[in-house]
Protein backbone atom coordinates (compact mmCIF):
# COMPACT_ATOMS: atom_id res chain seq x y z
CA UNK A 1 -41.10 -65.12 131.37
CA UNK A 2 -42.19 -65.83 127.81
CA UNK A 3 -44.27 -63.29 125.87
CA UNK A 4 -46.41 -63.23 122.75
CA UNK A 5 -46.60 -60.10 120.61
CA UNK A 6 -49.93 -58.30 120.76
CA UNK A 7 -50.91 -55.41 118.53
CA UNK A 8 -48.35 -53.00 117.14
CA UNK A 9 -48.10 -49.70 119.04
CA UNK A 10 -46.19 -47.82 116.34
CA UNK A 11 -49.10 -45.46 115.63
CA UNK A 12 -49.19 -44.42 119.30
CA UNK A 13 -45.40 -43.99 119.46
CA UNK A 14 -45.50 -41.79 116.35
CA UNK A 15 -48.11 -39.56 118.00
CA UNK A 16 -45.98 -39.28 121.14
CA UNK A 17 -42.94 -38.35 119.06
CA UNK A 18 -44.92 -35.84 117.00
CA UNK A 19 -44.04 -37.55 113.72
CA UNK A 20 -46.04 -38.95 110.85
CA UNK A 21 -45.46 -42.37 109.32
CA UNK A 22 -44.27 -40.61 106.16
CA UNK A 23 -41.65 -38.63 108.11
CA UNK A 24 -40.42 -41.77 109.85
CA UNK A 25 -40.30 -43.69 106.57
CA UNK A 26 -38.28 -40.89 104.96
CA UNK A 27 -35.86 -40.71 107.91
CA UNK A 28 -35.21 -44.47 107.80
CA UNK A 29 -35.48 -44.84 104.00
CA UNK A 30 -38.39 -47.28 104.31
CA UNK A 31 -41.46 -47.38 102.11
CA UNK A 32 -44.46 -45.88 103.94
CA UNK A 33 -46.44 -49.00 102.99
CA UNK A 34 -44.03 -51.10 105.03
CA UNK A 35 -44.70 -49.03 108.16
CA UNK A 36 -48.41 -49.16 107.42
CA UNK A 37 -48.22 -52.98 107.30
CA UNK A 38 -46.65 -52.98 110.78
CA UNK A 39 -49.26 -50.57 112.17
CA UNK A 40 -52.10 -52.64 110.68
CA UNK A 41 -50.59 -55.86 112.11
CA UNK A 42 -50.12 -57.34 108.64
CA UNK A 43 -46.38 -57.86 109.26
CA UNK A 44 -44.19 -58.17 112.35
CA UNK A 45 -41.13 -55.92 112.51
CA UNK A 46 -37.79 -57.69 112.31
CA UNK A 47 -35.62 -56.92 115.33
CA UNK A 48 -33.21 -54.67 113.39
CA UNK A 49 -36.14 -52.64 112.08
CA UNK A 50 -37.70 -52.34 115.55
CA UNK A 51 -34.38 -51.14 116.98
CA UNK A 52 -33.99 -48.53 114.22
CA UNK A 53 -37.56 -47.30 114.64
CA UNK A 54 -37.29 -47.18 118.43
CA UNK A 55 -34.02 -45.27 118.27
CA UNK A 56 -35.54 -42.74 115.89
CA UNK A 57 -38.66 -42.32 118.05
CA UNK A 58 -36.77 -42.19 121.35
CA UNK A 59 -38.33 -45.30 122.88
CA UNK A 60 -37.37 -48.92 123.55
CA UNK A 61 -37.96 -51.61 120.91
CA UNK A 62 -40.22 -53.52 123.30
CA UNK A 63 -42.50 -50.45 123.48
CA UNK A 64 -43.48 -50.94 119.84
CA UNK A 65 -45.77 -53.90 120.61
CA UNK A 66 -48.15 -54.97 123.32
CA UNK A 67 -46.43 -57.79 125.20
CA UNK A 68 -48.83 -60.52 126.28
CA UNK A 69 -47.61 -63.04 128.87
CA UNK A 70 -47.70 -66.55 127.48
CA UNK A 71 -49.63 -68.96 129.68
CA UNK A 72 -47.18 -71.24 131.49
CA UNK A 73 -47.37 -74.93 130.73
CA UNK A 74 -48.16 -76.93 133.89
CA UNK A 75 -45.25 -79.09 134.99
CA UNK A 76 -46.16 -82.67 135.83
CA UNK A 77 -44.48 -83.89 138.95
CA UNK A 78 -43.55 -87.50 139.35
CA UNK A 79 -45.11 -89.17 142.38
CA UNK A 80 -42.51 -89.76 145.06
C-alpha cells in the first residue's frame, strides 16, 4: 500500500519520551530550529534523520508522521 505523509508527530513523541526539543537537538547535534521546522511541517525529515530521532526517542521512524493511505488509481480492464 502506498502512503502520503500527514502531519509530523515529533512534538507528541517528545512528550511521550519526556524530552524537550532542545534536549533532543543537543543529543543529536542538530539546531533546535531544524527540529522546529519538522514539528511545524515546514520541512520533511530525511530518512537518516528520522531514524536517528526515532532511535533516540525509542520509537519507530514511521511513528514520527501521520501516514495517510494514498487513494488507489482505478485499473481499467480491457473488454474480453
